[in-house]
């Protein structure tokens, strides 16, 4: 997910994030994962996936790989 700079700070990212989480829940998914900014995604309930002993297949810092049950 990305928001053009001109639209940032206007709630567009929050709307998209909340919509994606709702979509996953309605689809019956048990969890969702993101690679993203560690200060942004926790507002949607994401926590570092390392809490569940899950690591990303990509070479990224552990704090940017997050999961929401």
Foldseek 3Di string as FASTA:
>chain_A
DDDPPVCPPVCPVVVVLLVVVVVCVVVVHPKDKFQADLVPPCVNVWAQCVVVPDDDPDPDPSSRITMHD
